[in-house]
C-alpha atoms as a PDB file:
ATOM      1  CA  MET A   1    -129.297  -0.768  27.391  1.00  0.00           C
ATOM      2  CA  ILE A   2    -126.245  -1.605  25.342  1.00  0.00           C
ATOM      3  CA  GLU A   3    -123.125  -2.488  27.279  1.00  0.00           C
ATOM      4  CA  GLY A   4    -119.530  -2.824  26.263  1.00  0.00           C
ATOM      5  CA  ALA A   5    -116.334  -3.201  28.182  1.00  0.00           C
ATOM      6  CA  THR A   6    -115.989   0.559  28.617  1.00  0.00           C
ATOM      7  CA  GLU A   7    -119.382   1.972  27.690  1.00  0.00           C
ATOM      8  CA  VAL A   8    -122.964   2.000  28.927  1.00  0.00           C
ATOM      9  CA  ILE A   9    -125.939   3.513  27.098  1.00  0.00           C
ATOM     10  CA  PHE A  10    -129.395   3.939  28.581  1.00  0.00           C
ATOM     11  CA  GLU A  11    -132.380   6.266  28.541  1.00  0.00           C
ATOM     12  CA  THR A  12    -133.969   8.196  31.359  1.00  0.00           C
ATOM     13  CA  THR A  13    -137.640   9.152  31.205  1.00  0.00           C
ATOM     14  CA  SER A  14    -137.714  12.202  33.492  1.00  0.00           C
ATOM     15  CA  PRO A  15    -135.458  14.875  34.969  1.00  0.00           C
ATOM     16  CA  GLU A  16    -135.744  13.087  38.319  1.00  0.00           C
ATOM     17  CA  GLN A  17    -134.456   9.871  36.804  1.00  0.00           C
ATOM     18  CA  THR A  18    -131.539  11.743  35.215  1.00  0.00           C
ATOM     19  CA  GLU A  19    -130.726  13.245  38.625  1.00  0.00           C
ATOM     20  CA  ALA A  20    -130.885   9.786  40.214  1.00  0.00           C
ATOM     21  CA  ALA A  21    -128.394   8.550  37.611  1.00  0.00           C
ATOM     22  CA  GLY A  22    -126.123  11.470  38.541  1.00  0.00           C
ATOM     23  CA  ALA A  23    -126.286  10.620  42.250  1.00  0.00           C
ATOM     24  CA  ARG A  24    -125.500   6.961  41.525  1.00  0.00           C
ATOM     25  CA  LEU A  25    -122.635   7.983  39.244  1.00  0.00           C
ATOM     26  CA  ALA A  26    -121.178  10.283  41.914  1.00  0.00           C
ATOM     27  CA  ALA A  27    -121.056   7.398  44.384  1.00  0.00           C
ATOM     28  CA  LEU A  28    -118.807   5.490  41.949  1.00  0.00           C
ATOM     29  CA  LEU A  29    -116.312   8.263  41.208  1.00  0.00           C
ATOM     30  CA  LEU A  30    -112.885   8.406  42.806  1.00  0.00           C
ATOM     31  CA  PRO A  31    -111.272  11.720  43.759  1.00  0.00           C
ATOM     32  CA  GLY A  32    -109.376  13.178  40.818  1.00  0.00           C
ATOM     33  CA  THR A  33    -111.930  11.991  38.242  1.00  0.00           C
ATOM     34  CA  VAL A  34    -112.920  14.392  35.474  1.00  0.00           C
ATOM     35  CA  VAL A  35    -116.399  13.908  34.005  1.00  0.00           C
ATOM     36  CA  ALA A  36    -116.684  15.523  30.557  1.00  0.00           C
ATOM     37  CA  LEU A  37    -120.336  16.245  29.731  1.00  0.00           C
ATOM     38  CA  ARG A  38    -121.299  16.722  26.090  1.00  0.00           C
ATOM     39  CA  GLY A  39    -124.669  17.485  24.551  1.00  0.00           C
ATOM     40  CA  GLY A  40    -126.849  20.231  23.151  1.00  0.00           C
ATOM     41  CA  LEU A  41    -129.029  22.642  25.064  1.00  0.00           C
ATOM     42  CA  ALA A  42    -131.569  21.034  27.410  1.00  0.00           C
ATOM     43  CA  THR A  43    -130.216  17.494  27.031  1.00  0.00           C
ATOM     44  CA  GLY A  44    -129.908  16.984  30.788  1.00  0.00           C
ATOM     45  CA  LYS A  45    -126.295  17.937  31.558  1.00  0.00           C
ATOM     46  CA  THR A  46    -127.200  20.176  34.492  1.00  0.00           C
ATOM     47  CA  CYS A  47    -129.799  17.649  35.693  1.00  0.00           C
ATOM     48  CA  LEU A  48    -127.141  14.934  35.815  1.00  0.00           C
ATOM     49  CA  VAL A  49    -124.722  17.218  37.668  1.00  0.00           C
ATOM     50  CA  ARG A  50    -127.474  18.274  40.093  1.00  0.00           C
ATOM     51  CA  GLY A  51    -127.767  14.596  41.036  1.00  0.00           C
ATOM     52  CA  MET A  52    -123.994  14.330  41.392  1.00  0.00           C
ATOM     53  CA  ALA A  53    -123.930  17.448  43.570  1.00  0.00           C
ATOM     54  CA  SER A  54    -126.695  16.086  45.796  1.00  0.00           C
ATOM     55  CA  PHE A  55    -124.386  13.170  46.614  1.00  0.00           C
ATOM     56  CA  PHE A  56    -121.476  15.467  47.502  1.00  0.00           C
ATOM     57  CA  ALA A  57    -123.409  18.346  49.106  1.00  0.00           C
ATOM     58  CA  LYS A  58    -125.945  16.322  51.130  1.00  0.00           C
ATOM     59  CA  GLY A  59    -128.898  18.744  50.903  1.00  0.00           C
ATOM     60  CA  ALA A  60    -127.256  22.056  49.900  1.00  0.00           C
ATOM     61  CA  ALA A  61    -128.911  24.228  47.251  1.00  0.00           C
ATOM     62  CA  ILE A  62    -127.632  23.287  43.806  1.00  0.00           C
ATOM     63  CA  HIS A  63    -127.731  25.537  40.747  1.00  0.00           C
ATOM     64  CA  SER A  64    -126.051  25.860  37.377  1.00  0.00           C
ATOM     65  CA  PRO A  65    -122.787  27.816  37.403  1.00  0.00           C
ATOM     66  CA  THR A  66    -123.513  29.431  34.018  1.00  0.00           C
ATOM     67  CA  PHE A  67    -122.873  32.917  35.371  1.00  0.00           C
ATOM     68  CA  THR A  68    -120.208  32.056  37.955  1.00  0.00           C
ATOM     69  CA  LEU A  69    -118.544  29.424  35.723  1.00  0.00           C
ATOM     70  CA  VAL A  70    -117.486  27.212  38.654  1.00  0.00           C
ATOM     71  CA  ASN A  71    -119.421  25.938  41.685  1.00  0.00           C
ATOM     72  CA  GLU A  72    -118.003  23.784  44.454  1.00  0.00           C
ATOM     73  CA  TYR A  73    -120.058  21.305  46.503  1.00  0.00           C
ATOM     74  CA  GLY A  74    -119.139  19.221  49.508  1.00  0.00           C
ATOM     75  CA  ALA A  75    -116.517  19.475  52.203  1.00  0.00           C
ATOM     76  CA  GLU A  76    -114.417  16.360  52.717  1.00  0.00           C
ATOM     77  CA  HIS A  77    -115.173  15.030  49.215  1.00  0.00           C
ATOM     78  CA  LYS A  78    -115.728  17.811  46.690  1.00  0.00           C
ATOM     79  CA  LEU A  79    -117.448  18.247  43.372  1.00  0.00           C
ATOM     80  CA  TYR A  80    -116.270  21.067  41.126  1.00  0.00           C
ATOM     81  CA  HIS A  81    -118.894  21.936  38.522  1.00  0.00           C
ATOM     82  CA  LEU A  82    -117.735  23.944  35.505  1.00  0.00           C
ATOM     83  CA  ASP A  83    -120.133  25.281  32.895  1.00  0.00           C
ATOM     84  CA  LEU A  84    -118.193  26.442  29.836  1.00  0.00           C
ATOM     85  CA  TYR A  85    -121.249  27.510  27.796  1.00  0.00           C
ATOM     86  CA  ARG A  86    -120.471  31.237  27.952  1.00  0.00           C
ATOM     87  CA  LEU A  87    -116.786  30.882  27.096  1.00  0.00           C
ATOM     88  CA  SER A  88    -115.761  31.523  23.526  1.00  0.00           C
ATOM     89  CA  SER A  89    -112.135  30.409  23.451  1.00  0.00           C
ATOM     90  CA  ILE A  90    -109.779  27.875  24.925  1.00  0.00           C
ATOM     91  CA  LEU A  91    -107.778  30.784  26.381  1.00  0.00           C
ATOM     92  CA  GLU A  92    -110.738  31.749  28.564  1.00  0.00           C
ATOM     93  CA  VAL A  93    -110.888  28.202  29.910  1.00  0.00           C
ATOM     94  CA  ALA A  94    -107.161  28.276  30.638  1.00  0.00           C
ATOM     95  CA  ASP A  95    -107.643  31.563  32.531  1.00  0.00           C
ATOM     96  CA  LEU A  96    -110.041  29.818  34.935  1.00  0.00           C
ATOM     97  CA  GLY A  97    -107.147  27.965  36.561  1.00  0.00           C
ATOM     98  CA  TYR A  98    -108.752  24.685  35.534  1.00  0.00           C
ATOM     99  CA  GLU A  99    -105.645  22.691  36.500  1.00  0.00           C
ATOM    100  CA  GLU A 100    -106.459  23.210  40.188  1.00  0.00           C
ATOM    101  CA  LEU A 101    -109.936  21.775  39.604  1.00  0.00           C
ATOM    102  CA  PHE A 102    -108.473  18.557  38.183  1.00  0.00           C
ATOM    103  CA  GLU A 103    -106.629  17.917  41.457  1.00  0.00           C
ATOM    104  CA  PRO A 104    -107.143  14.702  43.426  1.00  0.00           C
ATOM    105  CA  ASP A 105    -109.180  16.308  46.249  1.00  0.00           C
ATOM    106  CA  GLY A 106    -112.412  16.071  44.300  1.00  0.00           C
ATOM    107  CA  VAL A 107    -114.359  15.207  41.187  1.00  0.00           C
ATOM    108  CA  CYS A 108    -114.656  17.743  38.380  1.00  0.00           C
ATOM    109  CA  ALA A 109    -117.769  17.783  36.150  1.00  0.00           C
ATOM    110  CA  VAL A 110    -117.346  19.893  33.014  1.00  0.00           C
ATOM    111  CA  GLU A 111    -120.440  20.933  31.039  1.00  0.00           C
ATOM    112  CA  TRP A 112    -119.780  21.813  27.376  1.00  0.00           C
ATOM    113  CA  ALA A 113    -116.505  19.871  27.656  1.00  0.00           C
ATOM    114  CA  GLU A 114    -115.919  20.087  23.912  1.00  0.00           C
ATOM    115  CA  ARG A 115    -114.945  23.747  24.477  1.00  0.00           C
ATOM    116  CA  ALA A 116    -111.920  22.586  26.480  1.00  0.00           C
ATOM    117  CA  GLU A 117    -111.064  19.390  24.609  1.00  0.00           C
ATOM    118  CA  GLU A 118    -107.329  20.125  24.430  1.00  0.00           C
ATOM    119  CA  LEU A 119    -107.160  20.760  28.186  1.00  0.00           C
ATOM    120  CA  LEU A 120    -109.027  17.673  29.384  1.00  0.00           C
ATOM    121  CA  PRO A 121    -107.013  14.792  30.781  1.00  0.00           C
ATOM    122  CA  ALA A 122    -106.928  11.641  28.644  1.00  0.00           C
ATOM    123  CA  ARG A 123    -108.091   9.577  31.653  1.00  0.00           C
ATOM    124  CA  ARG A 124    -111.673  10.692  32.266  1.00  0.00           C
ATOM    125  CA  LEU A 125    -115.314   9.712  31.957  1.00  0.00           C
ATOM    126  CA  ASP A 126    -117.072  11.072  28.864  1.00  0.00           C
ATOM    127  CA  VAL A 127    -120.846  11.439  29.101  1.00  0.00           C
ATOM    128  CA  PHE A 128    -122.839  12.147  25.950  1.00  0.00           C
ATOM    129  CA  LEU A 129    -126.444  13.322  26.429  1.00  0.00           C
ATOM    130  CA  GLU A 130    -129.072  13.492  23.691  1.00  0.00           C
ATOM    131  CA  HIS A 131    -132.781  14.143  23.349  1.00  0.00           C
ATOM    132  CA  ALA A 132    -134.695  10.886  22.874  1.00  0.00           C
ATOM    133  CA  GLY A 133    -138.220  12.361  22.603  1.00  0.00           C
ATOM    134  CA  GLU A 134    -140.352  14.251  25.137  1.00  0.00           C
ATOM    135  CA  ASP A 135    -138.709  14.011  28.592  1.00  0.00           C
ATOM    136  CA  ARG A 136    -136.517  11.067  27.574  1.00  0.00           C
ATOM    137  CA  ARG A 137    -132.758  11.458  27.393  1.00  0.00           C
ATOM    138  CA  ARG A 138    -130.186   9.036  26.020  1.00  0.00           C
ATOM    139  CA  LEU A 139    -127.031   8.942  28.145  1.00  0.00           C
ATOM    140  CA  THR A 140    -123.831   7.339  26.937  1.00  0.00           C
ATOM    141  CA  PHE A 141    -121.123   6.853  29.558  1.00  0.00           C
ATOM    142  CA  ARG A 142    -117.694   6.086  28.069  1.00  0.00           C
ATOM    143  CA  ASP A 143    -114.904   5.192  30.474  1.00  0.00           C
ATOM    144  CA  CYS A 144    -111.442   6.362  29.500  1.00  0.00           C
ATOM    145  CA  GLY A 145    -109.615   4.546  32.280  1.00  0.00           C
ATOM    146  CA  VAL A 146    -111.079   5.990  35.500  1.00  0.00           C
ATOM    147  CA  MET A 147    -114.065   3.838  36.482  1.00  0.00           C
ATOM    148  CA  PRO A 148    -113.920   0.962  39.004  1.00  0.00           C
ATOM    149  CA  ASP A 149    -114.694  -2.642  38.101  1.00  0.00           C
ATOM    150  CA  GLY A 150    -118.424  -3.342  37.844  1.00  0.00           C
ATOM    151  CA  TRP A 151    -119.384   0.291  37.322  1.00  0.00           C
ATOM    152  CA  GLN A 152    -121.709  -0.520  34.415  1.00  0.00           C
ATOM    153  CA  GLU A 153    -124.004  -2.713  36.528  1.00  0.00           C
ATOM    154  CA  ARG A 154    -124.066  -0.326  39.466  1.00  0.00           C
ATOM    155  CA  LEU A 155    -124.866   2.649  37.254  1.00  0.00           C
ATOM    156  CA  ARG A 156    -127.574   0.762  35.428  1.00  0.00           C
ATOM    157  CA  ASP A 157    -129.262   0.058  38.766  1.00  0.00           C
ATOM    158  CA  ALA A 158    -129.976   3.805  39.066  1.00  0.00           C
ATOM    159  CA  VAL A 159    -132.476   3.659  36.220  1.00  0.00           C
END
Protein backbone atom coordinates (compact mmCIF):
# COMPACT_ATOMS: atom_id res chain seq x y z
CA MET A 1 0.00 0.00 0.00
CA ILE A 2 1.17 3.49 -0.84
CA GLU A 3 -0.16 6.26 1.36
CA GLY A 4 -0.14 9.99 1.00
CA ALA A 5 -1.85 12.77 2.85
CA THR A 6 -4.98 12.45 0.72
CA GLU A 7 -4.62 9.13 -1.08
CA VAL A 8 -4.55 5.42 -0.35
CA ILE A 9 -3.79 2.67 -2.87
CA PHE A 10 -4.20 -1.04 -2.21
CA GLU A 11 -5.17 -4.27 -3.92
CA THR A 12 -7.98 -6.66 -3.15
CA THR A 13 -7.70 -10.33 -4.08
CA SER A 14 -11.37 -11.31 -4.37
CA PRO A 15 -14.82 -9.82 -4.91
CA GLU A 16 -15.54 -10.48 -1.23
CA GLN A 17 -12.53 -8.45 -0.19
CA THR A 18 -13.61 -5.60 -2.46
CA GLU A 19 -17.07 -5.71 -0.85
CA ALA A 20 -15.48 -5.65 2.61
CA ALA A 21 -13.53 -2.54 1.60
CA GLY A 22 -16.82 -0.96 0.49
CA ALA A 23 -18.49 -1.72 3.83
CA ARG A 24 -15.53 -0.27 5.73
CA LEU A 25 -15.54 2.80 3.49
CA ALA A 26 -19.27 3.34 4.05
CA ALA A 27 -18.73 3.41 7.81
CA LEU A 28 -16.33 6.35 7.35
CA LEU A 29 -18.52 8.50 5.10
CA LEU A 30 -20.46 11.48 6.38
CA PRO A 31 -23.90 12.36 4.99
CA GLY A 32 -23.58 14.56 1.92
CA THR A 33 -20.46 12.77 0.64
CA VAL A 34 -20.25 11.99 -3.07
CA VAL A 35 -18.13 8.98 -4.03
CA ALA A 36 -17.08 9.14 -7.70
CA LEU A 37 -16.20 5.66 -8.98
CA ARG A 38 -14.03 5.37 -12.08
CA GLY A 39 -12.80 2.29 -13.91
CA GLY A 40 -13.42 0.04 -16.88
CA LEU A 41 -15.88 -2.81 -17.14
CA ALA A 42 -15.55 -5.49 -14.44
CA THR A 43 -13.03 -3.57 -12.33
CA GLY A 44 -15.09 -3.93 -9.16
CA LYS A 45 -17.16 -0.73 -9.02
CA THR A 46 -20.44 -2.52 -8.34
CA CYS A 47 -18.70 -4.89 -5.90
CA LEU A 48 -17.42 -1.93 -3.89
CA VAL A 49 -20.85 -0.30 -3.88
CA ARG A 50 -22.49 -3.60 -2.89
CA GLY A 51 -20.30 -3.52 0.22
CA MET A 52 -21.25 0.11 0.86
CA ALA A 53 -24.93 -0.73 0.45
CA SER A 54 -24.66 -3.64 2.87
CA PHE A 55 -23.58 -1.13 5.52
CA PHE A 56 -26.54 1.17 4.83
CA ALA A 57 -29.21 -1.45 4.04
CA LYS A 58 -28.37 -4.00 6.77
CA GLY A 59 -29.30 -7.18 4.85
CA ALA A 60 -31.51 -5.89 2.00
CA ALA A 61 -31.05 -7.30 -1.50
CA ILE A 62 -28.49 -5.24 -3.41
CA HIS A 63 -28.20 -5.07 -7.19
CA SER A 64 -26.73 -2.83 -9.85
CA PRO A 65 -28.98 0.03 -10.95
CA THR A 66 -27.86 -0.25 -14.59
CA PHE A 67 -31.44 -0.42 -15.84
CA THR A 68 -33.08 1.78 -13.20
CA LEU A 69 -30.14 4.23 -13.06
CA VAL A 70 -30.61 5.01 -9.35
CA ASN A 71 -31.11 2.73 -6.33
CA GLU A 72 -31.60 3.88 -2.76
CA TYR A 73 -30.57 1.86 0.31
CA GLY A 74 -31.14 2.48 3.98
CA ALA A 75 -33.66 4.45 5.97
CA GLU A 76 -32.20 6.85 8.51
CA HIS A 77 -28.83 7.01 6.72
CA LYS A 78 -29.16 6.55 2.96
CA LEU A 79 -26.97 5.47 0.10
CA TYR A 80 -27.92 6.63 -3.39
CA HIS A 81 -26.29 4.47 -6.05
CA LEU A 82 -26.15 5.88 -9.58
CA ASP A 83 -24.91 3.87 -12.54
CA LEU A 84 -24.31 6.18 -15.50
CA TYR A 85 -23.08 3.46 -17.89
CA ARG A 86 -26.11 3.62 -20.19
CA LEU A 87 -26.21 7.41 -20.41
CA SER A 88 -24.68 9.01 -23.46
CA SER A 89 -24.69 12.71 -22.61
CA ILE A 90 -24.32 15.08 -19.71
CA LEU A 91 -27.87 16.29 -20.43
CA GLU A 92 -29.24 12.85 -19.57
CA VAL A 93 -27.43 12.97 -16.24
CA ALA A 94 -28.85 16.43 -15.55
CA ASP A 95 -32.35 15.10 -16.31
CA LEU A 96 -31.99 12.56 -13.48
CA GLY A 97 -32.35 15.33 -10.89
CA TYR A 98 -28.90 14.47 -9.59
CA GLU A 99 -28.79 17.59 -7.39
CA GLU A 100 -31.30 15.99 -5.01
CA LEU A 101 -29.03 12.96 -4.68
CA PHE A 102 -26.11 15.14 -3.55
CA GLU A 103 -28.15 16.38 -0.58
CA PRO A 104 -26.89 15.98 2.99
CA ASP A 105 -29.36 13.20 3.95
CA GLY A 106 -27.17 10.49 2.48
CA VAL A 107 -24.10 9.35 0.61
CA CYS A 108 -24.13 9.23 -3.18
CA ALA A 109 -22.00 6.65 -5.04
CA VAL A 110 -21.69 7.36 -8.76
CA GLU A 111 -20.46 4.59 -11.09
CA TRP A 112 -18.96 5.82 -14.39
CA ALA A 113 -18.50 9.23 -12.73
CA GLU A 114 -16.45 10.50 -15.66
CA ARG A 115 -19.74 10.79 -17.59
CA ALA A 116 -20.88 13.50 -15.17
CA GLU A 117 -17.55 15.18 -14.43
CA GLU A 118 -18.89 18.72 -14.86
CA LEU A 119 -21.76 18.05 -12.45
CA LEU A 120 -19.78 16.47 -9.61
CA PRO A 121 -19.03 18.58 -6.56
CA ALA A 122 -15.38 19.56 -6.09
CA ARG A 123 -15.46 18.15 -2.53
CA ARG A 124 -15.80 14.39 -2.99
CA LEU A 125 -14.00 11.07 -2.76
CA ASP A 126 -12.63 9.77 -6.07
CA VAL A 127 -12.14 6.01 -6.32
CA PHE A 128 -10.19 4.59 -9.25
CA LEU A 129 -10.48 0.83 -9.85
CA GLU A 130 -8.25 -1.20 -12.15
CA HIS A 131 -7.61 -4.83 -13.02
CA ALA A 132 -4.45 -6.10 -11.33
CA GLY A 133 -4.51 -9.68 -12.68
CA GLU A 134 -6.98 -12.53 -12.13
CA ASP A 135 -9.38 -11.58 -9.29
CA ARG A 136 -7.10 -8.81 -8.01
CA ARG A 137 -8.18 -5.19 -8.22
CA ARG A 138 -6.16 -2.07 -7.52
CA LEU A 139 -8.19 0.58 -5.71
CA THR A 140 -7.02 4.16 -5.40
CA PHE A 141 -8.97 6.35 -2.97
CA ARG A 142 -8.30 10.08 -3.41
CA ASP A 143 -9.83 12.44 -0.88
CA CYS A 144 -10.92 15.81 -2.21
CA GLY A 145 -11.78 17.31 1.17
CA VAL A 146 -14.52 15.04 2.57
CA MET A 147 -12.82 12.27 4.57
CA PRO A 148 -12.32 12.35 8.36
CA ASP A 149 -8.91 12.32 10.02
CA GLY A 150 -7.32 8.86 10.10
CA TRP A 151 -9.44 7.49 7.27
CA GLN A 152 -6.45 5.93 5.50
CA GLU A 153 -5.60 3.62 8.41
CA ARG A 154 -9.20 2.62 9.05
CA LEU A 155 -9.81 1.84 5.39
CA ARG A 156 -6.61 -0.14 5.12
CA ASP A 157 -7.78 -2.33 8.01
CA ALA A 158 -10.56 -3.65 5.73
CA VAL A 159 -8.06 -5.48 3.56
